[in-house]
C-alpha atoms as a PDB file:
ATOM      1  CA  MET A   1     -27.198  -8.893 -75.798  1.00  0.00           C
ATOM      2  CA  HIS A   2     -23.954 -10.813 -75.289  1.00  0.00           C
ATOM      3  CA  SER A   3     -25.114 -12.470 -72.044  1.00  0.00           C
ATOM      4  CA  PHE A   4     -22.169 -14.375 -70.494  1.00  0.00           C
ATOM      5  CA  ILE A   5     -19.961 -13.899 -73.580  1.00  0.00           C
ATOM      6  CA  PRO A   6     -17.153 -11.303 -73.352  1.00  0.00           C
ATOM      7  CA  PRO A   7     -18.287  -8.490 -75.678  1.00  0.00           C
ATOM      8  CA  GLU A   8     -15.029  -8.539 -77.666  1.00  0.00           C
ATOM      9  CA  ARG A   9     -15.713 -12.221 -78.444  1.00  0.00           C
ATOM     10  CA  PHE A  10     -19.359 -11.770 -79.510  1.00  0.00           C
ATOM     11  CA  PHE A  11     -19.632 -12.208 -83.282  1.00  0.00           C
ATOM     12  CA  PRO A  12     -22.698  -9.955 -83.825  1.00  0.00           C
ATOM     13  CA  TYR A  13     -20.846  -6.970 -82.352  1.00  0.00           C
ATOM     14  CA  LEU A  14     -18.470  -7.032 -85.329  1.00  0.00           C
ATOM     15  CA  SER A  15     -19.212  -4.966 -88.433  1.00  0.00           C
ATOM     16  CA  TRP A  16     -19.067  -6.400 -91.929  1.00  0.00           C
ATOM     17  CA  THR A  17     -15.915  -4.387 -92.564  1.00  0.00           C
ATOM     18  CA  ASP A  18     -14.346  -5.897 -89.433  1.00  0.00           C
ATOM     19  CA  ILE A  19     -15.030  -9.339 -90.868  1.00  0.00           C
ATOM     20  CA  GLU A  20     -13.877  -8.449 -94.375  1.00  0.00           C
ATOM     21  CA  ALA A  21     -10.553  -7.151 -93.014  1.00  0.00           C
ATOM     22  CA  MET A  22      -9.972 -10.078 -90.657  1.00  0.00           C
ATOM     23  CA  SER A  23      -6.679 -11.874 -91.243  1.00  0.00           C
ATOM     24  CA  ASN A  24      -6.083 -15.627 -91.022  1.00  0.00           C
ATOM     25  CA  LYS A  25      -9.821 -16.101 -91.434  1.00  0.00           C
ATOM     26  CA  GLU A  26      -9.458 -19.779 -92.305  1.00  0.00           C
ATOM     27  CA  ASN A  27      -8.287 -20.471 -88.741  1.00  0.00           C
ATOM     28  CA  VAL A  28     -10.662 -18.183 -86.843  1.00  0.00           C
ATOM     29  CA  VAL A  29     -12.868 -20.356 -84.623  1.00  0.00           C
ATOM     30  CA  ILE A  30     -16.594 -19.588 -84.904  1.00  0.00           C
ATOM     31  CA  ILE A  31     -18.680 -21.203 -82.164  1.00  0.00           C
ATOM     32  CA  GLN A  32     -22.425 -21.774 -82.378  1.00  0.00           C
ATOM     33  CA  PRO A  33     -23.940 -22.618 -78.983  1.00  0.00           C
ATOM     34  CA  VAL A  34     -26.994 -24.856 -79.411  1.00  0.00           C
ATOM     35  CA  GLY A  35     -29.361 -25.329 -76.493  1.00  0.00           C
ATOM     36  CA  ALA A  36     -33.029 -26.047 -75.895  1.00  0.00           C
ATOM     37  CA  ILE A  37     -36.131 -24.618 -74.266  1.00  0.00           C
ATOM     38  CA  GLU A  38     -37.498 -27.617 -72.418  1.00  0.00           C
ATOM     39  CA  GLN A  39     -38.681 -28.777 -69.022  1.00  0.00           C
ATOM     40  CA  HIS A  40     -36.068 -29.448 -66.356  1.00  0.00           C
ATOM     41  CA  GLY A  41     -38.276 -30.533 -63.489  1.00  0.00           C
ATOM     42  CA  PRO A  42     -40.219 -28.318 -61.076  1.00  0.00           C
ATOM     43  CA  HIS A  43     -37.118 -26.568 -59.714  1.00  0.00           C
ATOM     44  CA  LEU A  44     -35.288 -25.381 -62.844  1.00  0.00           C
ATOM     45  CA  PRO A  45     -36.272 -23.021 -65.677  1.00  0.00           C
ATOM     46  CA  LEU A  46     -36.789 -24.111 -69.266  1.00  0.00           C
ATOM     47  CA  ILE A  47     -33.583 -22.350 -70.368  1.00  0.00           C
ATOM     48  CA  VAL A  48     -31.121 -24.694 -68.610  1.00  0.00           C
ATOM     49  CA  ASP A  49     -29.331 -26.129 -71.657  1.00  0.00           C
ATOM     50  CA  ALA A  50     -28.977 -22.785 -73.412  1.00  0.00           C
ATOM     51  CA  ALA A  51     -27.825 -21.093 -70.198  1.00  0.00           C
ATOM     52  CA  ILE A  52     -25.214 -23.763 -69.500  1.00  0.00           C
ATOM     53  CA  GLY A  53     -23.837 -23.515 -73.032  1.00  0.00           C
ATOM     54  CA  MET A  54     -23.530 -19.745 -72.915  1.00  0.00           C
ATOM     55  CA  GLY A  55     -22.210 -19.739 -69.358  1.00  0.00           C
ATOM     56  CA  VAL A  56     -19.501 -22.299 -70.019  1.00  0.00           C
ATOM     57  CA  LEU A  57     -18.529 -20.739 -73.339  1.00  0.00           C
ATOM     58  CA  GLY A  58     -18.384 -17.239 -71.887  1.00  0.00           C
ATOM     59  CA  LYS A  59     -16.118 -18.405 -69.069  1.00  0.00           C
ATOM     60  CA  ALA A  60     -13.886 -20.262 -71.536  1.00  0.00           C
ATOM     61  CA  LEU A  61     -13.570 -17.309 -73.924  1.00  0.00           C
ATOM     62  CA  ALA A  62     -12.664 -15.040 -71.015  1.00  0.00           C
ATOM     63  CA  LYS A  63      -9.808 -17.404 -70.128  1.00  0.00           C
ATOM     64  CA  LEU A  64      -8.630 -18.010 -73.711  1.00  0.00           C
ATOM     65  CA  GLU A  65      -5.418 -16.346 -74.870  1.00  0.00           C
ATOM     66  CA  ALA A  66      -6.179 -13.012 -76.534  1.00  0.00           C
ATOM     67  CA  ASP A  67      -4.134 -13.913 -79.618  1.00  0.00           C
ATOM     68  CA  ILE A  68      -6.384 -16.880 -80.476  1.00  0.00           C
ATOM     69  CA  PRO A  69      -9.265 -15.524 -82.582  1.00  0.00           C
ATOM     70  CA  ALA A  70     -12.513 -17.162 -81.481  1.00  0.00           C
ATOM     71  CA  TYR A  71     -16.028 -15.732 -81.590  1.00  0.00           C
ATOM     72  CA  ALA A  72     -19.377 -16.850 -80.227  1.00  0.00           C
ATOM     73  CA  LEU A  73     -22.553 -16.606 -82.262  1.00  0.00           C
ATOM     74  CA  PRO A  74     -25.828 -15.935 -80.436  1.00  0.00           C
ATOM     75  CA  SER A  75     -27.254 -19.049 -78.842  1.00  0.00           C
ATOM     76  CA  LEU A  76     -29.628 -21.148 -80.886  1.00  0.00           C
ATOM     77  CA  TYR A  77     -32.120 -21.466 -78.065  1.00  0.00           C
ATOM     78  CA  TYR A  78     -34.527 -23.944 -79.627  1.00  0.00           C
ATOM     79  CA  GLY A  79     -33.589 -27.555 -80.297  1.00  0.00           C
ATOM     80  CA  LYS A  80     -35.085 -30.969 -80.885  1.00  0.00           C
ATOM     81  CA  SER A  81     -36.813 -31.565 -77.566  1.00  0.00           C
ATOM     82  CA  ASN A  82     -39.790 -33.748 -78.419  1.00  0.00           C
ATOM     83  CA  GLU A  83     -38.817 -36.295 -75.733  1.00  0.00           C
ATOM     84  CA  HIS A  84     -39.995 -33.650 -73.237  1.00  0.00           C
ATOM     85  CA  TRP A  85     -43.100 -32.355 -74.997  1.00  0.00           C
ATOM     86  CA  ASN A  86     -45.519 -34.015 -72.576  1.00  0.00           C
ATOM     87  CA  PHE A  87     -44.400 -31.395 -70.037  1.00  0.00           C
ATOM     88  CA  PRO A  88     -45.890 -27.904 -70.567  1.00  0.00           C
ATOM     89  CA  GLY A  89     -43.519 -25.197 -71.731  1.00  0.00           C
ATOM     90  CA  THR A  90     -41.222 -27.361 -73.816  1.00  0.00           C
ATOM     91  CA  ILE A  91     -40.673 -25.880 -77.283  1.00  0.00           C
ATOM     92  CA  THR A  92     -39.279 -28.202 -79.937  1.00  0.00           C
ATOM     93  CA  LEU A  93     -38.068 -28.064 -83.493  1.00  0.00           C
ATOM     94  CA  SER A  94     -38.267 -31.105 -85.729  1.00  0.00           C
ATOM     95  CA  THR A  95     -35.105 -32.914 -86.739  1.00  0.00           C
ATOM     96  CA  GLU A  96     -35.596 -31.548 -90.246  1.00  0.00           C
ATOM     97  CA  THR A  97     -35.971 -27.929 -89.101  1.00  0.00           C
ATOM     98  CA  LEU A  98     -32.968 -28.062 -86.779  1.00  0.00           C
ATOM     99  CA  THR A  99     -30.848 -29.697 -89.473  1.00  0.00           C
ATOM    100  CA  ALA A 100     -31.895 -27.104 -92.060  1.00  0.00           C
ATOM    101  CA  THR A 101     -31.113 -24.291 -89.612  1.00  0.00           C
ATOM    102  CA  ILE A 102     -27.609 -25.629 -88.943  1.00  0.00           C
ATOM    103  CA  MET A 103     -26.985 -26.160 -92.656  1.00  0.00           C
ATOM    104  CA  GLU A 104     -28.051 -22.638 -93.629  1.00  0.00           C
ATOM    105  CA  LEU A 105     -26.107 -21.139 -90.741  1.00  0.00           C
ATOM    106  CA  GLY A 106     -23.054 -23.041 -91.963  1.00  0.00           C
ATOM    107  CA  ASP A 107     -23.599 -21.726 -95.493  1.00  0.00           C
ATOM    108  CA  SER A 108     -23.454 -18.157 -94.160  1.00  0.00           C
ATOM    109  CA  ILE A 109     -20.327 -18.732 -92.083  1.00  0.00           C
ATOM    110  CA  TYR A 110     -18.567 -20.359 -95.029  1.00  0.00           C
ATOM    111  CA  ARG A 111     -19.641 -17.600 -97.414  1.00  0.00           C
ATOM    112  CA  ALA A 112     -18.062 -15.032 -95.057  1.00  0.00           C
ATOM    113  CA  GLY A 113     -14.706 -16.772 -95.497  1.00  0.00           C
ATOM    114  CA  PHE A 114     -14.488 -18.782 -92.285  1.00  0.00           C
ATOM    115  CA  ARG A 115     -13.415 -22.419 -92.384  1.00  0.00           C
ATOM    116  CA  LYS A 116     -13.815 -23.594 -88.783  1.00  0.00           C
ATOM    117  CA  LEU A 117     -17.222 -23.929 -87.162  1.00  0.00           C
ATOM    118  CA  VAL A 118     -17.926 -25.474 -83.759  1.00  0.00           C
ATOM    119  CA  LEU A 119     -21.440 -26.703 -82.990  1.00  0.00           C
ATOM    120  CA  MET A 120     -21.391 -26.491 -79.185  1.00  0.00           C
ATOM    121  CA  ASN A 121     -24.450 -28.520 -78.228  1.00  0.00           C
ATOM    122  CA  SER A 122     -25.659 -28.606 -74.619  1.00  0.00           C
ATOM    123  CA  HIS A 123     -28.844 -30.689 -75.045  1.00  0.00           C
ATOM    124  CA  GLY A 124     -28.533 -34.461 -74.728  1.00  0.00           C
ATOM    125  CA  GLY A 125     -31.397 -35.124 -77.129  1.00  0.00           C
ATOM    126  CA  GLN A 126     -29.676 -33.887 -80.288  1.00  0.00           C
ATOM    127  CA  PRO A 127     -25.971 -34.822 -80.610  1.00  0.00           C
ATOM    128  CA  GLN A 128     -26.798 -37.041 -83.580  1.00  0.00           C
ATOM    129  CA  VAL A 129     -28.442 -34.108 -85.395  1.00  0.00           C
ATOM    130  CA  MET A 130     -25.273 -32.046 -84.902  1.00  0.00           C
ATOM    131  CA  GLN A 131     -23.108 -34.896 -86.157  1.00  0.00           C
ATOM    132  CA  MET A 132     -25.144 -35.438 -89.321  1.00  0.00           C
ATOM    133  CA  ALA A 133     -25.351 -31.725 -90.116  1.00  0.00           C
ATOM    134  CA  ALA A 134     -21.612 -31.335 -89.558  1.00  0.00           C
ATOM    135  CA  ARG A 135     -20.864 -34.217 -91.918  1.00  0.00           C
ATOM    136  CA  ASP A 136     -23.205 -32.810 -94.561  1.00  0.00           C
ATOM    137  CA  LEU A 137     -21.580 -29.373 -94.339  1.00  0.00           C
ATOM    138  CA  HIS A 138     -18.155 -30.902 -94.808  1.00  0.00           C
ATOM    139  CA  VAL A 139     -19.389 -32.947 -97.755  1.00  0.00           C
ATOM    140  CA  LYS A 140     -20.812 -29.762 -99.266  1.00  0.00           C
ATOM    141  CA  TYR A 141     -17.639 -27.733 -98.629  1.00  0.00           C
ATOM    142  CA  GLY A 142     -14.558 -29.920 -98.606  1.00  0.00           C
ATOM    143  CA  ASP A 143     -12.362 -27.325 -96.891  1.00  0.00           C
ATOM    144  CA  PHE A 144     -14.895 -26.593 -94.127  1.00  0.00           C
ATOM    145  CA  ALA A 145     -13.901 -28.106 -90.772  1.00  0.00           C
ATOM    146  CA  VAL A 146     -17.037 -28.526 -88.667  1.00  0.00           C
ATOM    147  CA  PHE A 147     -16.850 -29.846 -85.108  1.00  0.00           C
ATOM    148  CA  PRO A 148     -20.081 -31.299 -83.613  1.00  0.00           C
ATOM    149  CA  LEU A 149     -19.183 -31.208 -79.918  1.00  0.00           C
ATOM    150  CA  PHE A 150     -21.191 -31.863 -76.764  1.00  0.00           C
ATOM    151  CA  THR A 151     -20.603 -29.325 -73.994  1.00  0.00           C
ATOM    152  CA  TRP A 152     -20.089 -32.019 -71.348  1.00  0.00           C
ATOM    153  CA  ARG A 153     -17.629 -34.173 -73.339  1.00  0.00           C
ATOM    154  CA  VAL A 154     -14.530 -32.050 -72.711  1.00  0.00           C
ATOM    155  CA  PRO A 155     -12.218 -33.063 -69.837  1.00  0.00           C
ATOM    156  CA  HIS A 156     -13.740 -32.076 -66.477  1.00  0.00           C
ATOM    157  CA  ILE A 157     -14.113 -33.231 -62.875  1.00  0.00           C
ATOM    158  CA  THR A 158     -17.906 -33.291 -62.544  1.00  0.00           C
ATOM    159  CA  LYS A 159     -18.319 -37.016 -61.880  1.00  0.00           C
ATOM    160  CA  GLU A 160     -15.838 -36.765 -59.005  1.00  0.00           C
ATOM    161  CA  LEU A 161     -18.320 -34.457 -57.246  1.00  0.00           C
ATOM    162  CA  LEU A 162     -21.347 -36.754 -57.639  1.00  0.00           C
ATOM    163  CA  THR A 163     -22.470 -39.888 -55.829  1.00  0.00           C
ATOM    164  CA  PRO A 164     -21.768 -43.129 -57.729  1.00  0.00           C
ATOM    165  CA  LYS A 165     -25.501 -43.581 -58.421  1.00  0.00           C
ATOM    166  CA  GLU A 166     -25.857 -40.028 -59.738  1.00  0.00           C
ATOM    167  CA  ALA A 167     -22.737 -40.345 -61.871  1.00  0.00           C
ATOM    168  CA  ALA A 168     -24.114 -43.542 -63.415  1.00  0.00           C
ATOM    169  CA  GLN A 169     -27.838 -42.773 -63.701  1.00  0.00           C
ATOM    170  CA  GLY A 170     -28.316 -39.005 -63.480  1.00  0.00           C
ATOM    171  CA  MET A 171     -29.311 -37.828 -66.951  1.00  0.00           C
ATOM    172  CA  HIS A 172     -31.473 -34.735 -66.710  1.00  0.00           C
ATOM    173  CA  ALA A 173     -32.031 -31.892 -64.231  1.00  0.00           C
ATOM    174  CA  GLY A 174     -30.090 -33.693 -61.519  1.00  0.00           C
ATOM    175  CA  ASP A 175     -27.168 -32.708 -59.325  1.00  0.00           C
ATOM    176  CA  ALA A 176     -24.737 -31.500 -62.011  1.00  0.00           C
ATOM    177  CA  GLU A 177     -27.149 -29.316 -63.979  1.00  0.00           C
ATOM    178  CA  THR A 178     -28.785 -27.934 -60.848  1.00  0.00           C
ATOM    179  CA  SER A 179     -25.432 -27.128 -59.224  1.00  0.00           C
ATOM    180  CA  LEU A 180     -24.231 -25.418 -62.386  1.00  0.00           C
ATOM    181  CA  MET A 181     -27.424 -23.350 -62.582  1.00  0.00           C
ATOM    182  CA  LEU A 182     -26.868 -22.297 -58.963  1.00  0.00           C
ATOM    183  CA  ALA A 183     -23.533 -20.905 -60.137  1.00  0.00           C
ATOM    184  CA  LEU A 184     -24.908 -19.262 -63.304  1.00  0.00           C
ATOM    185  CA  LEU A 185     -28.491 -18.153 -62.568  1.00  0.00           C
ATOM    186  CA  PRO A 186     -29.125 -18.785 -58.871  1.00  0.00           C
ATOM    187  CA  GLU A 187     -32.187 -16.552 -58.747  1.00  0.00           C
ATOM    188  CA  GLN A 188     -33.901 -18.870 -61.254  1.00  0.00           C
ATOM    189  CA  VAL A 189     -33.403 -22.053 -59.198  1.00  0.00           C
ATOM    190  CA  LYS A 190     -36.170 -23.155 -56.800  1.00  0.00           C
ATOM    191  CA  LEU A 191     -34.162 -25.550 -54.679  1.00  0.00           C
ATOM    192  CA  ASP A 192     -37.084 -26.088 -52.300  1.00  0.00           C
ATOM    193  CA  LYS A 193     -38.872 -27.856 -55.176  1.00  0.00           C
ATOM    194  CA  ALA A 194     -35.934 -30.118 -56.067  1.00  0.00           C
ATOM    195  CA  VAL A 195     -36.636 -33.850 -56.185  1.00  0.00           C
ATOM    196  CA  ALA A 196     -34.774 -37.087 -56.733  1.00  0.00           C
ATOM    197  CA  GLU A 197     -36.162 -39.509 -59.309  1.00  0.00           C
ATOM    198  CA  TYR A 198     -34.292 -42.208 -61.198  1.00  0.00           C
ATOM    199  CA  PRO A 199     -35.487 -44.285 -64.173  1.00  0.00           C
ATOM    200  CA  PRO A 200     -36.766 -47.830 -63.644  1.00  0.00           C
ATOM    201  CA  ALA A 201     -33.887 -50.275 -63.293  1.00  0.00           C
ATOM    202  CA  GLN A 202     -33.156 -52.727 -66.070  1.00  0.00           C
ATOM    203  CA  PRO A 203     -32.574 -56.390 -65.115  1.00  0.00           C
ATOM    204  CA  GLU A 204     -28.983 -56.937 -63.969  1.00  0.00           C
ATOM    205  CA  ASP A 205     -28.206 -59.247 -66.898  1.00  0.00           C
ATOM    206  CA  SER A 206     -29.812 -56.960 -69.513  1.00  0.00           C
ATOM    207  CA  LEU A 207     -27.735 -55.723 -72.432  1.00  0.00           C
ATOM    208  CA  LEU A 208     -30.110 -52.799 -72.893  1.00  0.00           C
ATOM    209  CA  SER A 209     -29.996 -49.416 -71.190  1.00  0.00           C
ATOM    210  CA  TRP A 210     -31.848 -46.098 -71.196  1.00  0.00           C
ATOM    211  CA  GLU A 211     -28.639 -44.406 -72.318  1.00  0.00           C
ATOM    212  CA  GLY A 212     -25.505 -46.209 -73.414  1.00  0.00           C
ATOM    213  CA  LYS A 213     -24.181 -48.633 -75.974  1.00  0.00           C
ATOM    214  CA  LEU A 214     -27.491 -50.429 -76.588  1.00  0.00           C
ATOM    215  CA  PRO A 215     -30.265 -47.935 -75.764  1.00  0.00           C
ATOM    216  CA  VAL A 216     -34.016 -48.123 -76.158  1.00  0.00           C
ATOM    217  CA  ALA A 217     -35.916 -45.104 -77.476  1.00  0.00           C
ATOM    218  CA  TRP A 218     -37.835 -43.312 -74.735  1.00  0.00           C
ATOM    219  CA  VAL A 219     -39.630 -40.092 -73.920  1.00  0.00           C
ATOM    220  CA  THR A 220     -39.319 -38.519 -70.492  1.00  0.00           C
ATOM    221  CA  LYS A 221     -42.819 -39.390 -69.285  1.00  0.00           C
ATOM    222  CA  ASP A 222     -41.916 -43.083 -69.758  1.00  0.00           C
ATOM    223  CA  ILE A 223     -39.260 -42.931 -67.043  1.00  0.00           C
ATOM    224  CA  SER A 224     -40.014 -39.870 -64.883  1.00  0.00           C
ATOM    225  CA  LYS A 225     -43.131 -38.280 -63.407  1.00  0.00           C
ATOM    226  CA  SER A 226     -41.369 -35.091 -62.287  1.00  0.00           C
ATOM    227  CA  GLY A 227     -39.248 -34.538 -65.399  1.00  0.00           C
ATOM    228  CA  VAL A 228     -36.113 -35.069 -63.297  1.00  0.00           C
ATOM    229  CA  ILE A 229     -33.864 -38.028 -64.053  1.00  0.00           C
ATOM    230  CA  GLY A 230     -31.375 -37.908 -61.211  1.00  0.00           C
ATOM    231  CA  ASP A 231     -31.042 -36.314 -57.768  1.00  0.00           C
ATOM    232  CA  ALA A 232     -31.389 -32.540 -57.679  1.00  0.00           C
ATOM    233  CA  THR A 233     -31.663 -32.386 -53.886  1.00  0.00           C
ATOM    234  CA  THR A 234     -27.898 -32.689 -53.349  1.00  0.00           C
ATOM    235  CA  ALA A 235     -26.967 -29.736 -55.599  1.00  0.00           C
ATOM    236  CA  THR A 236     -24.908 -26.847 -54.217  1.00  0.00           C
ATOM    237  CA  LYS A 237     -23.481 -23.630 -55.591  1.00  0.00           C
ATOM    238  CA  GLU A 238     -20.019 -24.689 -54.405  1.00  0.00           C
ATOM    239  CA  LYS A 239     -20.198 -27.740 -56.661  1.00  0.00           C
ATOM    240  CA  GLY A 240     -21.569 -25.576 -59.455  1.00  0.00           C
ATOM    241  CA  ASP A 241     -18.647 -23.154 -59.212  1.00  0.00           C
ATOM    242  CA  ARG A 242     -16.173 -26.031 -59.418  1.00  0.00           C
ATOM    243  CA  ILE A 243     -18.015 -27.602 -62.364  1.00  0.00           C
ATOM    244  CA  LEU A 244     -18.070 -24.276 -64.214  1.00  0.00           C
ATOM    245  CA  GLU A 245     -14.337 -23.775 -63.727  1.00  0.00           C
ATOM    246  CA  SER A 246     -13.510 -27.323 -64.775  1.00  0.00           C
ATOM    247  CA  VAL A 247     -15.774 -27.587 -67.840  1.00  0.00           C
ATOM    248  CA  SER A 248     -14.715 -24.131 -69.069  1.00  0.00           C
ATOM    249  CA  ASP A 249     -11.052 -25.121 -68.654  1.00  0.00           C
ATOM    250  CA  GLY A 250     -11.787 -28.119 -70.879  1.00  0.00           C
ATOM    251  CA  TRP A 251     -13.315 -25.817 -73.465  1.00  0.00           C
ATOM    252  CA  VAL A 252     -10.248 -23.575 -73.448  1.00  0.00           C
ATOM    253  CA  GLN A 253      -8.192 -26.643 -74.359  1.00  0.00           C
ATOM    254  CA  VAL A 254     -10.573 -27.620 -77.144  1.00  0.00           C
ATOM    255  CA  ILE A 255     -10.828 -24.137 -78.693  1.00  0.00           C
ATOM    256  CA  ARG A 256      -7.059 -23.821 -78.599  1.00  0.00           C
ATOM    257  CA  GLU A 257      -6.667 -27.191 -80.332  1.00  0.00           C
ATOM    258  CA  ILE A 258      -9.262 -26.337 -82.990  1.00  0.00           C
ATOM    259  CA  TYR A 259      -7.443 -23.088 -83.765  1.00  0.00           C
ATOM    260  CA  HIS A 260      -4.231 -25.050 -84.376  1.00  0.00           C
ATOM    261  CA  PHE A 261      -6.014 -27.897 -86.212  1.00  0.00           C
ATOM    262  CA  ARG A 262      -4.971 -28.382 -89.811  1.00  0.00           C
ATOM    263  CA  PRO A 263      -7.219 -30.703 -91.851  1.00  0.00           C
ATOM    264  CA  PRO A 264      -5.588 -33.429 -93.943  1.00  0.00           C
ATOM    265  CA  GLN A 265      -4.885 -32.471 -97.523  1.00  0.00           C
ATOM    266  CA  SER A 266      -7.263 -34.195 -99.922  1.00  0.00           C
END
């Protein structure tokens, strides 16, 4: 049931008496991985985002100092994935449903006495949902520190392993995600079906972009026929192993810092 998570770090394996007796509960770090079940091209399974979140978190928790209390909740597999719903197999929640789920989950964690919750989101289509829910939880509970974090935003070396074009334009199911899946779930990767497909280029003098400071709203079928936005053909397990080590190292740093974080006194 714990998947990649070390069993001693898996929150559901605790009993209610374990939680009631837990000391320093206000600084225990509770981590909610949030993924998605959505298309990732013809070569990757629907579970990519959820698998990456659990894989990275499990590796990080295994490396984390034993005296830092941090626990993973079960992955929230479904997310807001309607940008991919033209591709069969994608399952999506609405913004309202995902927000309500995060809010009610936060209510339960707070009621149990915890005061630090990390929303570890691995799906690029929903960071804003995490940010708004986190803000609303903190407004509701003034002493609740909620951290809406994106799995790929910690320090890591991934871009150093990619071509300049992939580093700039690869957004979905490309080299990085495919390499990481080769490290985590290699038997689920069909590398012989990998393709390279990039979105249509914007004019050189355009201020707009598909992703960036001034984006335009899009759904995947607008910019990709295969569902891939990037180059999956250059992926390797060796790169995936290095990405996993680097991103999980970044998460060790972040979890450690959150444990020591003390919110300002209001």
